Amino acid sequence: MIQKVYTDGQVSTFLVFGDRNNEPGFNPILEALKEQAEHIESLEKQNRELMKQEKLLTFLVEVTAQTNELMARGLKAIERLESSLETDEISKYS
């Protein structure tokens, strides 16, 4: 079995051969490989979830950029409208 042990400020990995060595059909190397396979499967699952999150974040960034562009256009249109209204008011009094 693989065990992680914390010593001297570091985490070390050890292959531990326990009492199960005497069990018929027990192979410590095979057990260690099974644990590693489970760990790899877990990491692959985490990776898939992270990739989903990355796609979502990319989409949100794109939507935010589009929203900012639309807001900038709207602000420019409002500024032009205000400017034309001010010009119209000035022409009335001239």
Protein backbone atom coordinates (compact mmCIF):
# COMPACT_ATOMS: atom_id res chain seq x y z
CA MET A 1 0.00 0.00 0.00
CA ILE A 2 1.19 3.52 -0.64
CA GLN A 3 1.29 5.88 2.31
CA LYS A 4 2.13 9.54 2.47
CA VAL A 5 4.13 10.44 5.56
CA TYR A 6 4.87 13.96 6.78
CA THR A 7 8.38 14.23 8.22
CA ASP A 8 10.80 17.11 8.60
CA GLY A 9 8.46 19.52 6.83
CA GLN A 10 8.11 17.34 3.74
CA VAL A 11 5.62 14.78 2.52
CA SER A 12 7.24 11.51 1.49
CA THR A 13 5.63 8.57 -0.28
CA PHE A 14 6.37 5.05 0.89
CA LEU A 15 5.40 1.63 -0.38
CA VAL A 16 4.41 -0.21 2.81
CA PHE A 17 4.33 -3.98 3.07
CA GLY A 18 2.00 -4.82 5.94
CA ASP A 19 0.53 -7.91 7.54
CA ARG A 20 -1.47 -8.59 4.42
CA ASN A 21 1.67 -10.05 2.81
CA ASN A 22 0.74 -13.38 4.37
CA GLU A 23 -2.74 -13.37 2.82
CA PRO A 24 -3.10 -15.72 -0.12
CA GLY A 25 -3.35 -13.86 -3.42
CA PHE A 26 -2.13 -10.54 -1.96
CA ASN A 27 0.46 -8.79 -4.07
CA PRO A 28 1.68 -5.49 -2.59
CA ILE A 29 2.93 -4.22 -5.95
CA LEU A 30 -0.45 -4.95 -7.53
CA GLU A 31 -2.22 -3.20 -4.65
CA ALA A 32 0.04 -0.16 -5.08
CA LEU A 33 -0.73 -0.13 -8.80
CA LYS A 34 -4.47 -0.29 -8.06
CA GLU A 35 -4.17 2.67 -5.71
CA GLN A 36 -2.23 4.61 -8.32
CA ALA A 37 -4.87 3.78 -10.95
CA GLU A 38 -7.60 5.06 -8.61
CA HIS A 39 -5.59 8.22 -7.99
CA ILE A 40 -5.11 8.74 -11.74
CA GLU A 41 -8.85 8.27 -12.34
CA SER A 42 -9.56 10.85 -9.65
CA LEU A 43 -7.12 13.30 -11.24
CA GLU A 44 -8.66 12.73 -14.67
CA LYS A 45 -12.11 13.46 -13.24
CA GLN A 46 -10.80 16.66 -11.64
CA ASN A 47 -9.20 17.60 -14.96
CA ARG A 48 -12.49 17.12 -16.81
CA GLU A 49 -14.27 19.32 -14.26
CA LEU A 50 -11.58 21.99 -14.56
CA MET A 51 -11.88 21.93 -18.35
CA LYS A 52 -15.65 22.46 -18.03
CA GLN A 53 -15.01 25.40 -15.70
CA GLU A 54 -12.43 26.81 -18.11
CA LYS A 55 -14.95 26.69 -20.98
CA LEU A 56 -17.55 28.41 -18.82
CA LEU A 57 -15.10 31.11 -17.75
CA THR A 58 -14.03 31.67 -21.36
CA PHE A 59 -17.68 32.07 -22.34
CA LEU A 60 -18.25 34.53 -19.48
CA VAL A 61 -15.21 36.58 -20.50
CA GLU A 62 -16.50 36.74 -24.08
CA VAL A 63 -19.98 37.77 -22.93
CA THR A 64 -18.48 40.40 -20.63
CA ALA A 65 -16.40 41.81 -23.49
CA GLN A 66 -19.48 41.97 -25.74
CA THR A 67 -21.50 43.61 -22.96
CA ASN A 68 -18.77 46.18 -22.39
CA GLU A 69 -18.67 46.94 -26.11
CA LEU A 70 -22.45 47.41 -26.22
CA MET A 71 -22.34 49.64 -23.15
CA ALA A 72 -19.59 51.75 -24.73
CA ARG A 73 -21.64 52.13 -27.91
CA GLY A 74 -24.71 53.06 -25.87
CA LEU A 75 -22.73 55.64 -23.91
CA LYS A 76 -21.40 57.19 -27.13
CA ALA A 77 -24.93 57.33 -28.54
CA ILE A 78 -26.17 59.05 -25.38
CA GLU A 79 -23.29 61.53 -25.53
CA ARG A 80 -24.09 62.30 -29.20
CA LEU A 81 -27.76 62.72 -28.34
CA GLU A 82 -26.96 65.07 -25.45
CA SER A 83 -24.61 67.03 -27.68
CA SER A 84 -27.23 67.38 -30.41
CA LEU A 85 -29.85 68.45 -27.85
CA GLU A 86 -27.48 71.10 -26.51
CA THR A 87 -26.81 72.29 -30.06
CA ASP A 88 -30.56 72.46 -30.76
CA GLU A 89 -31.16 74.50 -27.60
CA ILE A 90 -28.36 76.89 -28.49
CA SER A 91 -29.79 77.35 -32.02
CA LYS A 92 -33.23 78.17 -30.58
CA TYR A 93 -31.82 81.07 -28.63
CA SER A 94 -29.60 82.37 -31.43
